[in-house]
C-alpha atoms as a PDB file:
ATOM      1  CA  MET A   1     117.108  87.855  90.968  1.00  0.00           C
ATOM      2  CA  ASN A   2     119.395  90.339  92.747  1.00  0.00           C
ATOM      3  CA  ASN A   3     119.789  92.300  89.487  1.00  0.00           C
ATOM      4  CA  SER A   4     116.061  93.025  89.624  1.00  0.00           C
ATOM      5  CA  ILE A   5     115.950  94.401  93.180  1.00  0.00           C
ATOM      6  CA  LEU A   6     116.939  98.071  93.232  1.00  0.00           C
ATOM      7  CA  ASP A   7     118.296 100.442  95.867  1.00  0.00           C
ATOM      8  CA  SER A   8     119.225  97.771  98.409  1.00  0.00           C
ATOM      9  CA  LEU A   9     115.566  96.887  98.987  1.00  0.00           C
ATOM     10  CA  ASP A  10     115.386  93.914 101.355  1.00  0.00           C
ATOM     11  CA  PRO A  11     113.925  90.965  99.403  1.00  0.00           C
ATOM     12  CA  GLU A  12     112.546  89.465 102.614  1.00  0.00           C
ATOM     13  CA  ILE A  13     110.344  92.377 103.699  1.00  0.00           C
ATOM     14  CA  TYR A  14     106.590  92.348 103.346  1.00  0.00           C
ATOM     15  CA  VAL A  15     104.774  94.751 101.061  1.00  0.00           C
ATOM     16  CA  TYR A  16     101.034  95.369 100.852  1.00  0.00           C
ATOM     17  CA  ARG A  17      98.409  96.341  98.310  1.00  0.00           C
ATOM     18  CA  ILE A  18      94.744  97.304  98.820  1.00  0.00           C
ATOM     19  CA  PHE A  19      92.069  96.863  96.156  1.00  0.00           C
ATOM     20  CA  GLY A  20      88.424  95.864  95.681  1.00  0.00           C
ATOM     21  CA  ILE A  21      87.145  92.379  96.446  1.00  0.00           C
ATOM     22  CA  GLU A  22      86.159  91.879  92.796  1.00  0.00           C
ATOM     23  CA  ARG A  23      89.773  92.316  91.748  1.00  0.00           C
ATOM     24  CA  LEU A  24      90.880  89.715  94.302  1.00  0.00           C
ATOM     25  CA  PHE A  25      88.579  87.046  92.918  1.00  0.00           C
ATOM     26  CA  GLN A  26      89.545  88.012  89.380  1.00  0.00           C
ATOM     27  CA  LEU A  27      93.168  87.446  90.370  1.00  0.00           C
ATOM     28  CA  PHE A  28      92.399  83.963  91.679  1.00  0.00           C
ATOM     29  CA  GLU A  29      90.193  83.100  88.718  1.00  0.00           C
ATOM     30  CA  THR A  30      92.441  84.299  85.881  1.00  0.00           C
ATOM     31  CA  LYS A  31      95.808  83.880  87.622  1.00  0.00           C
ATOM     32  CA  LYS A  32      96.945  87.007  85.837  1.00  0.00           C
ATOM     33  CA  ASN A  33      98.543  90.041  87.442  1.00  0.00           C
ATOM     34  CA  VAL A  34      98.179  93.369  85.639  1.00  0.00           C
ATOM     35  CA  LEU A  35     100.692  96.229  85.530  1.00  0.00           C
ATOM     36  CA  VAL A  36      99.636  99.534  83.973  1.00  0.00           C
ATOM     37  CA  HIS A  37     101.345 102.301  82.048  1.00  0.00           C
ATOM     38  CA  PRO A  38     102.247 105.262  84.327  1.00  0.00           C
ATOM     39  CA  SER A  39      99.925 107.534  82.322  1.00  0.00           C
ATOM     40  CA  LYS A  40      97.048 105.747  84.081  1.00  0.00           C
ATOM     41  CA  TRP A  41      98.300 106.803  87.526  1.00  0.00           C
ATOM     42  CA  ASP A  42      96.694 109.853  89.154  1.00  0.00           C
ATOM     43  CA  ASP A  43      99.801 111.959  89.746  1.00  0.00           C
ATOM     44  CA  PRO A  44     100.613 114.026  86.591  1.00  0.00           C
ATOM     45  CA  PHE A  45     104.295 113.937  87.565  1.00  0.00           C
ATOM     46  CA  GLU A  46     104.489 110.160  87.087  1.00  0.00           C
ATOM     47  CA  ASN A  47     106.961 109.086  84.400  1.00  0.00           C
ATOM     48  CA  PHE A  48     108.064 112.731  84.135  1.00  0.00           C
ATOM     49  CA  ILE A  49     111.575 111.796  82.978  1.00  0.00           C
ATOM     50  CA  LEU A  50     110.671 109.420  80.146  1.00  0.00           C
ATOM     51  CA  SER A  51     107.681 111.501  79.052  1.00  0.00           C
ATOM     52  CA  GLY A  52     109.551 114.796  79.062  1.00  0.00           C
ATOM     53  CA  LEU A  53     111.488 116.409  76.243  1.00  0.00           C
ATOM     54  CA  ILE A  54     115.126 115.656  75.528  1.00  0.00           C
ATOM     55  CA  GLU A  55     117.588 117.964  73.834  1.00  0.00           C
ATOM     56  CA  ILE A  56     120.673 116.840  71.904  1.00  0.00           C
ATOM     57  CA  ALA A  57     123.886 118.815  71.345  1.00  0.00           C
ATOM     58  CA  SER A  58     122.566 120.420  68.151  1.00  0.00           C
ATOM     59  CA  GLY A  59     119.658 121.887  70.079  1.00  0.00           C
ATOM     60  CA  GLU A  60     117.045 119.608  68.514  1.00  0.00           C
ATOM     61  CA  LYS A  61     114.340 118.368  70.851  1.00  0.00           C
ATOM     62  CA  GLY A  62     112.453 115.119  70.924  1.00  0.00           C
ATOM     63  CA  GLN A  63     111.186 112.344  73.198  1.00  0.00           C
ATOM     64  CA  PHE A  64     112.387 108.907  74.209  1.00  0.00           C
ATOM     65  CA  GLY A  65     110.959 106.338  71.837  1.00  0.00           C
ATOM     66  CA  PHE A  66     110.553 103.819  74.666  1.00  0.00           C
ATOM     67  CA  LYS A  67     108.519 106.087  76.975  1.00  0.00           C
ATOM     68  CA  ASP A  68     105.420 103.928  76.433  1.00  0.00           C
ATOM     69  CA  HIS A  69     107.207 100.615  76.965  1.00  0.00           C
ATOM     70  CA  VAL A  70     107.148 100.655  80.788  1.00  0.00           C
ATOM     71  CA  PHE A  71     104.504  99.389  83.183  1.00  0.00           C
ATOM     72  CA  GLY A  72     104.220  99.397  86.939  1.00  0.00           C
ATOM     73  CA  GLN A  73     102.245  98.351  89.962  1.00  0.00           C
ATOM     74  CA  CYS A  74     102.219 100.159  93.311  1.00  0.00           C
ATOM     75  CA  TRP A  75     102.668  98.416  96.663  1.00  0.00           C
ATOM     76  CA  THR A  76     103.440  99.859 100.087  1.00  0.00           C
ATOM     77  CA  MET A  77     105.639  99.024 103.058  1.00  0.00           C
ATOM     78  CA  LYS A  78     102.972 100.460 105.367  1.00  0.00           C
ATOM     79  CA  ARG A  79     100.986  97.642 106.924  1.00  0.00           C
ATOM     80  CA  GLU A  80      98.035  99.647 108.228  1.00  0.00           C
ATOM     81  CA  SER A  81      96.715 103.078 107.313  1.00  0.00           C
ATOM     82  CA  ASP A  82      93.338 104.731 107.709  1.00  0.00           C
ATOM     83  CA  ALA A  83      94.014 106.833 104.604  1.00  0.00           C
ATOM     84  CA  MET A  84      94.915 103.827 102.446  1.00  0.00           C
ATOM     85  CA  TRP A  85      91.732 101.956 103.370  1.00  0.00           C
ATOM     86  CA  ARG A  86      89.587 104.994 102.617  1.00  0.00           C
ATOM     87  CA  ILE A  87      91.297 105.729  99.291  1.00  0.00           C
ATOM     88  CA  TYR A  88      91.579 102.216  97.870  1.00  0.00           C
ATOM     89  CA  SER A  89      88.545 100.582  99.504  1.00  0.00           C
ATOM     90  CA  PRO A  90      85.866 103.293  99.163  1.00  0.00           C
ATOM     91  CA  GLU A  91      83.014 100.751  99.240  1.00  0.00           C
ATOM     92  CA  LYS A  92      84.304  99.350 102.556  1.00  0.00           C
ATOM     93  CA  ASN A  93      84.622  95.844 101.139  1.00  0.00           C
ATOM     94  CA  GLY A  94      88.192  95.834  99.857  1.00  0.00           C
ATOM     95  CA  VAL A  95      91.093  93.646 100.852  1.00  0.00           C
ATOM     96  CA  ARG A  96      94.743  94.099 101.671  1.00  0.00           C
ATOM     97  CA  VAL A  97      97.087  91.429 100.335  1.00  0.00           C
ATOM     98  CA  ARG A  98     100.604  90.771 101.568  1.00  0.00           C
ATOM     99  CA  ALA A  99     103.638  89.393  99.756  1.00  0.00           C
ATOM    100  CA  ARG A 100     107.375  89.275 100.215  1.00  0.00           C
ATOM    101  CA  VAL A 101     109.392  91.390  97.786  1.00  0.00           C
ATOM    102  CA  LYS A 102     111.333  88.328  96.615  1.00  0.00           C
ATOM    103  CA  ASN A 103     108.146  86.442  95.709  1.00  0.00           C
ATOM    104  CA  LEU A 104     106.735  89.399  93.770  1.00  0.00           C
ATOM    105  CA  ILE A 105     109.819  89.825  91.623  1.00  0.00           C
ATOM    106  CA  GLN A 106     110.292  86.093  91.100  1.00  0.00           C
ATOM    107  CA  GLY A 107     106.766  85.898  89.750  1.00  0.00           C
ATOM    108  CA  LEU A 108     107.403  88.719  87.274  1.00  0.00           C
ATOM    109  CA  ARG A 109     110.762  87.308  86.205  1.00  0.00           C
ATOM    110  CA  ALA A 110     109.138  83.955  85.476  1.00  0.00           C
ATOM    111  CA  ALA A 111     107.106  85.668  82.744  1.00  0.00           C
ATOM    112  CA  GLU A 112     110.287  86.258  80.727  1.00  0.00           C
ATOM    113  CA  SER A 113     111.765  83.731  78.316  1.00  0.00           C
ATOM    114  CA  SER A 114     115.291  83.823  79.754  1.00  0.00           C
ATOM    115  CA  PRO A 115     117.240  85.106  82.777  1.00  0.00           C
ATOM    116  CA  PHE A 116     118.956  87.639  80.490  1.00  0.00           C
ATOM    117  CA  PHE A 117     115.688  89.287  79.440  1.00  0.00           C
ATOM    118  CA  ALA A 118     114.420  89.107  83.027  1.00  0.00           C
ATOM    119  CA  ASP A 119     117.539  90.991  84.186  1.00  0.00           C
ATOM    120  CA  ILE A 120     116.938  93.907  81.811  1.00  0.00           C
ATOM    121  CA  SER A 121     113.128  93.996  82.029  1.00  0.00           C
ATOM    122  CA  CYS A 122     111.917  93.114  85.528  1.00  0.00           C
ATOM    123  CA  PHE A 123     112.525  95.313  88.572  1.00  0.00           C
ATOM    124  CA  VAL A 124     111.243  96.174  92.009  1.00  0.00           C
ATOM    125  CA  GLY A 125     112.342  99.234  93.981  1.00  0.00           C
ATOM    126  CA  LYS A 126     111.499 101.635  96.752  1.00  0.00           C
ATOM    127  CA  VAL A 127     110.173 105.088  95.830  1.00  0.00           C
ATOM    128  CA  SER A 128     112.157 108.139  96.966  1.00  0.00           C
ATOM    129  CA  TYR A 129     110.351 111.397  97.734  1.00  0.00           C
ATOM    130  CA  LEU A 130     111.781 114.799  96.803  1.00  0.00           C
ATOM    131  CA  PRO A 131     110.574 118.422  96.707  1.00  0.00           C
ATOM    132  CA  GLN A 132     109.249 119.314  93.268  1.00  0.00           C
ATOM    133  CA  ASN A 133     112.123 121.737  92.602  1.00  0.00           C
ATOM    134  CA  LYS A 134     114.616 118.913  93.205  1.00  0.00           C
ATOM    135  CA  LEU A 135     113.092 116.485  90.744  1.00  0.00           C
ATOM    136  CA  LYS A 136     114.481 118.419  87.767  1.00  0.00           C
ATOM    137  CA  ASP A 137     118.006 117.975  89.150  1.00  0.00           C
ATOM    138  CA  LEU A 138     117.896 114.187  88.949  1.00  0.00           C
ATOM    139  CA  ASN A 139     120.556 112.698  86.709  1.00  0.00           C
ATOM    140  CA  ILE A 140     119.440 109.204  85.705  1.00  0.00           C
ATOM    141  CA  ASN A 141     120.974 107.371  82.764  1.00  0.00           C
ATOM    142  CA  VAL A 142     117.875 105.895  81.167  1.00  0.00           C
ATOM    143  CA  LEU A 143     120.033 104.612  78.282  1.00  0.00           C
ATOM    144  CA  ASP A 144     121.869 102.265  80.654  1.00  0.00           C
ATOM    145  CA  SER A 145     122.081  98.869  78.892  1.00  0.00           C
ATOM    146  CA  SER A 146     121.204  97.075  82.139  1.00  0.00           C
ATOM    147  CA  GLY A 147     117.669  98.507  82.012  1.00  0.00           C
ATOM    148  CA  LYS A 148     117.990  99.809  85.569  1.00  0.00           C
ATOM    149  CA  GLY A 149     117.970 103.457  84.507  1.00  0.00           C
ATOM    150  CA  ILE A 150     114.508 103.188  82.993  1.00  0.00           C
ATOM    151  CA  ALA A 151     113.191 101.494  86.123  1.00  0.00           C
ATOM    152  CA  GLN A 152     114.841 104.009  88.445  1.00  0.00           C
ATOM    153  CA  SER A 153     113.197 106.884  86.561  1.00  0.00           C
ATOM    154  CA  LEU A 154     109.865 105.617  87.937  1.00  0.00           C
ATOM    155  CA  LEU A 155     111.054 105.570  91.544  1.00  0.00           C
ATOM    156  CA  TYR A 156     110.759 109.277  92.368  1.00  0.00           C
ATOM    157  CA  LYS A 157     107.726 111.204  93.583  1.00  0.00           C
ATOM    158  CA  ARG A 158     107.021 114.515  95.265  1.00  0.00           C
ATOM    159  CA  THR A 159     107.316 114.724  99.058  1.00  0.00           C
ATOM    160  CA  GLU A 160     103.556 115.298  99.340  1.00  0.00           C
ATOM    161  CA  PHE A 161     103.140 111.575  98.645  1.00  0.00           C
ATOM    162  CA  SER A 162     105.712 110.337 101.155  1.00  0.00           C
ATOM    163  CA  HIS A 163     103.034 108.891 103.460  1.00  0.00           C
ATOM    164  CA  GLU A 164     102.532 106.114 100.897  1.00  0.00           C
ATOM    165  CA  LYS A 165     105.943 104.474 101.593  1.00  0.00           C
ATOM    166  CA  GLU A 166     105.660 103.022  98.129  1.00  0.00           C
ATOM    167  CA  VAL A 167     107.415 100.092  96.494  1.00  0.00           C
ATOM    168  CA  ARG A 168     106.979  99.564  92.760  1.00  0.00           C
ATOM    169  CA  LEU A 169     106.978  96.481  90.617  1.00  0.00           C
ATOM    170  CA  ILE A 170     108.223  97.577  87.167  1.00  0.00           C
ATOM    171  CA  TYR A 171     108.328  95.894  83.780  1.00  0.00           C
ATOM    172  CA  SER A 172     110.144  97.391  80.790  1.00  0.00           C
ATOM    173  CA  MET A 173     108.992  95.823  77.519  1.00  0.00           C
ATOM    174  CA  HIS A 174     112.081  94.955  75.453  1.00  0.00           C
ATOM    175  CA  ASN A 175     110.228  93.739  72.345  1.00  0.00           C
ATOM    176  CA  PRO A 176     106.996  95.777  72.167  1.00  0.00           C
ATOM    177  CA  PRO A 177     104.259  95.113  69.592  1.00  0.00           C
ATOM    178  CA  THR A 178     103.291  97.714  67.011  1.00  0.00           C
ATOM    179  CA  ASN A 179     100.238  98.760  68.988  1.00  0.00           C
ATOM    180  CA  ILE A 180     101.492  99.022  72.542  1.00  0.00           C
ATOM    181  CA  PRO A 181      98.748  98.390  75.111  1.00  0.00           C
ATOM    182  CA  LYS A 182      98.300 100.447  78.274  1.00  0.00           C
ATOM    183  CA  VAL A 183      98.475  97.343  80.437  1.00  0.00           C
ATOM    184  CA  PHE A 184     100.799  94.364  80.766  1.00  0.00           C
ATOM    185  CA  SER A 185      99.509  91.091  82.205  1.00  0.00           C
ATOM    186  CA  TYR A 186     101.430  87.962  83.087  1.00  0.00           C
ATOM    187  CA  GLY A 187     100.896  84.607  84.791  1.00  0.00           C
ATOM    188  CA  PHE A 188     100.505  84.987  88.537  1.00  0.00           C
ATOM    189  CA  ASP A 189      99.654  82.354  91.140  1.00  0.00           C
ATOM    190  CA  PRO A 190      98.093  84.234  94.077  1.00  0.00           C
ATOM    191  CA  GLY A 191      98.156  81.112  96.228  1.00  0.00           C
ATOM    192  CA  THR A 192     101.944  81.059  95.962  1.00  0.00           C
ATOM    193  CA  VAL A 193     102.847  84.758  95.866  1.00  0.00           C
ATOM    194  CA  LEU A 194     100.367  86.052  98.457  1.00  0.00           C
ATOM    195  CA  ASP A 195     100.648  84.857 102.039  1.00  0.00           C
ATOM    196  CA  GLU A 196      97.946  86.921 103.770  1.00  0.00           C
ATOM    197  CA  ILE A 197      94.560  88.406 102.890  1.00  0.00           C
ATOM    198  CA  THR A 198      93.012  91.011 105.207  1.00  0.00           C
ATOM    199  CA  PHE A 199      89.485  92.376 104.823  1.00  0.00           C
ATOM    200  CA  ASP A 200      88.584  96.051 105.232  1.00  0.00           C
ATOM    201  CA  PRO A 201      87.957  96.831 108.928  1.00  0.00           C
ATOM    202  CA  ARG A 202      84.501  98.215 107.989  1.00  0.00           C
ATOM    203  CA  ILE A 203      83.315  95.144 106.051  1.00  0.00           C
ATOM    204  CA  ASP A 204      80.048  93.423 106.899  1.00  0.00           C
ATOM    205  CA  LYS A 205      80.969  90.206 108.743  1.00  0.00           C
ATOM    206  CA  ARG A 206      78.421  88.143 106.836  1.00  0.00           C
ATOM    207  CA  MET A 207      80.089  89.123 103.583  1.00  0.00           C
ATOM    208  CA  SER A 208      83.610  88.476 104.872  1.00  0.00           C
ATOM    209  CA  ASP A 209      82.449  84.985 105.929  1.00  0.00           C
ATOM    210  CA  VAL A 210      81.096  84.335 102.421  1.00  0.00           C
ATOM    211  CA  TYR A 211      84.312  85.572 100.803  1.00  0.00           C
ATOM    212  CA  THR A 212      86.449  83.511 103.180  1.00  0.00           C
ATOM    213  CA  HIS A 213      84.438  80.397 102.380  1.00  0.00           C
ATOM    214  CA  SER A 214      85.064  80.894  98.637  1.00  0.00           C
ATOM    215  CA  LEU A 215      88.769  81.625  99.057  1.00  0.00           C
ATOM    216  CA  VAL A 216      89.266  78.498 101.152  1.00  0.00           C
ATOM    217  CA  ASP A 217      86.907  75.986  99.513  1.00  0.00           C
ATOM    218  CA  VAL A 218      87.100  77.077  95.882  1.00  0.00           C
ATOM    219  CA  TYR A 219      90.655  78.371  95.573  1.00  0.00           C
ATOM    220  CA  GLY A 220      92.433  76.534  98.381  1.00  0.00           C
ATOM    221  CA  PHE A 221      93.820  79.584 100.173  1.00  0.00           C
ATOM    222  CA  PRO A 222      94.641  78.697 103.814  1.00  0.00           C
ATOM    223  CA  LYS A 223      91.998  79.940 106.236  1.00  0.00           C
ATOM    224  CA  LYS A 224      94.620  80.757 108.867  1.00  0.00           C
ATOM    225  CA  SER A 225      96.018  83.382 106.469  1.00  0.00           C
ATOM    226  CA  ILE A 226      92.708  85.243 106.115  1.00  0.00           C
ATOM    227  CA  ASN A 227      91.639  87.867 108.654  1.00  0.00           C
ATOM    228  CA  THR A 228      89.893  91.212 109.098  1.00  0.00           C
ATOM    229  CA  SER A 229      91.688  94.413 110.034  1.00  0.00           C
ATOM    230  CA  LYS A 230      91.060  95.524 113.601  1.00  0.00           C
ATOM    231  CA  LEU A 231      91.936  99.148 112.889  1.00  0.00           C
ATOM    232  CA  TYR A 232      88.585 100.447 114.118  1.00  0.00           C
ATOM    233  CA  SER A 233      87.927  97.842 116.808  1.00  0.00           C
ATOM    234  CA  PRO A 234      87.451  99.277 120.299  1.00  0.00           C
ATOM    235  CA  PRO A 235      90.299  98.599 122.702  1.00  0.00           C
ATOM    236  CA  GLN A 236      89.843  95.601 124.954  1.00  0.00           C
ATOM    237  CA  GLU A 237      89.646  96.220 128.707  1.00  0.00           C
ATOM    238  CA  PHE A 238      90.990  99.749 128.378  1.00  0.00           C
ATOM    239  CA  ILE A 239      90.943 101.186 131.898  1.00  0.00           C
ATOM    240  CA  THR A 240      91.565 104.816 132.765  1.00  0.00           C
ATOM    241  CA  GLN A 241      93.052 105.301 136.211  1.00  0.00           C
ATOM    242  CA  LEU A 242      91.525 108.284 138.009  1.00  0.00           C
ATOM    243  CA  LYS A 243      93.629 110.065 140.569  1.00  0.00           C
ATOM    244  CA  ALA A 244      92.016 110.850 143.905  1.00  0.00           C
END
């Protein structure tokens, strides 16, 4: 597993992901996690290394043939953020899930047929943020036989995104089909990988009670691990001392 964890990322730390409630129940129902091709991410600079042109000694230009073989999923080390709730839970009924890095990568590795293929295909790493004029100076060996170079090429973003404190789960397809899809799905047991579910702080309590009931009674998720964010709750017994 250590081969899959990049840049000295602590496998024990928690990472978080916010998405709509429908996606949460889909995850429990299908037990499939979905990674997407970087072209589906909003930032046009995503996958800029693999998608860019290459030039060989003769001066001929081309592109990496495996640029479409990589898929990723974005998590964050930031536990609570007003911006993240507003961006990823626009309907005010989303959820934030929590998992340890080691459990995320173990789940992805289990989708591979052997430890060897898992070592060269499955990765998790922390995103580094650089000024745009520094990105072109990166020297990453994407032809590295360990597969780490391809994964590391997806771990750089512009400094304008540094508030995200992002961690990425990355899969590099070593035996792609003729028609490569834009998504990669694999078996995922949310009851094992996830250890906390937190509702949007703006959610209607009646709805959160209904969702909690389903998660506990239908899918067996422990009730003690379900809560609602208190980000916008008024402070309790906050007293301002006035000077005479």
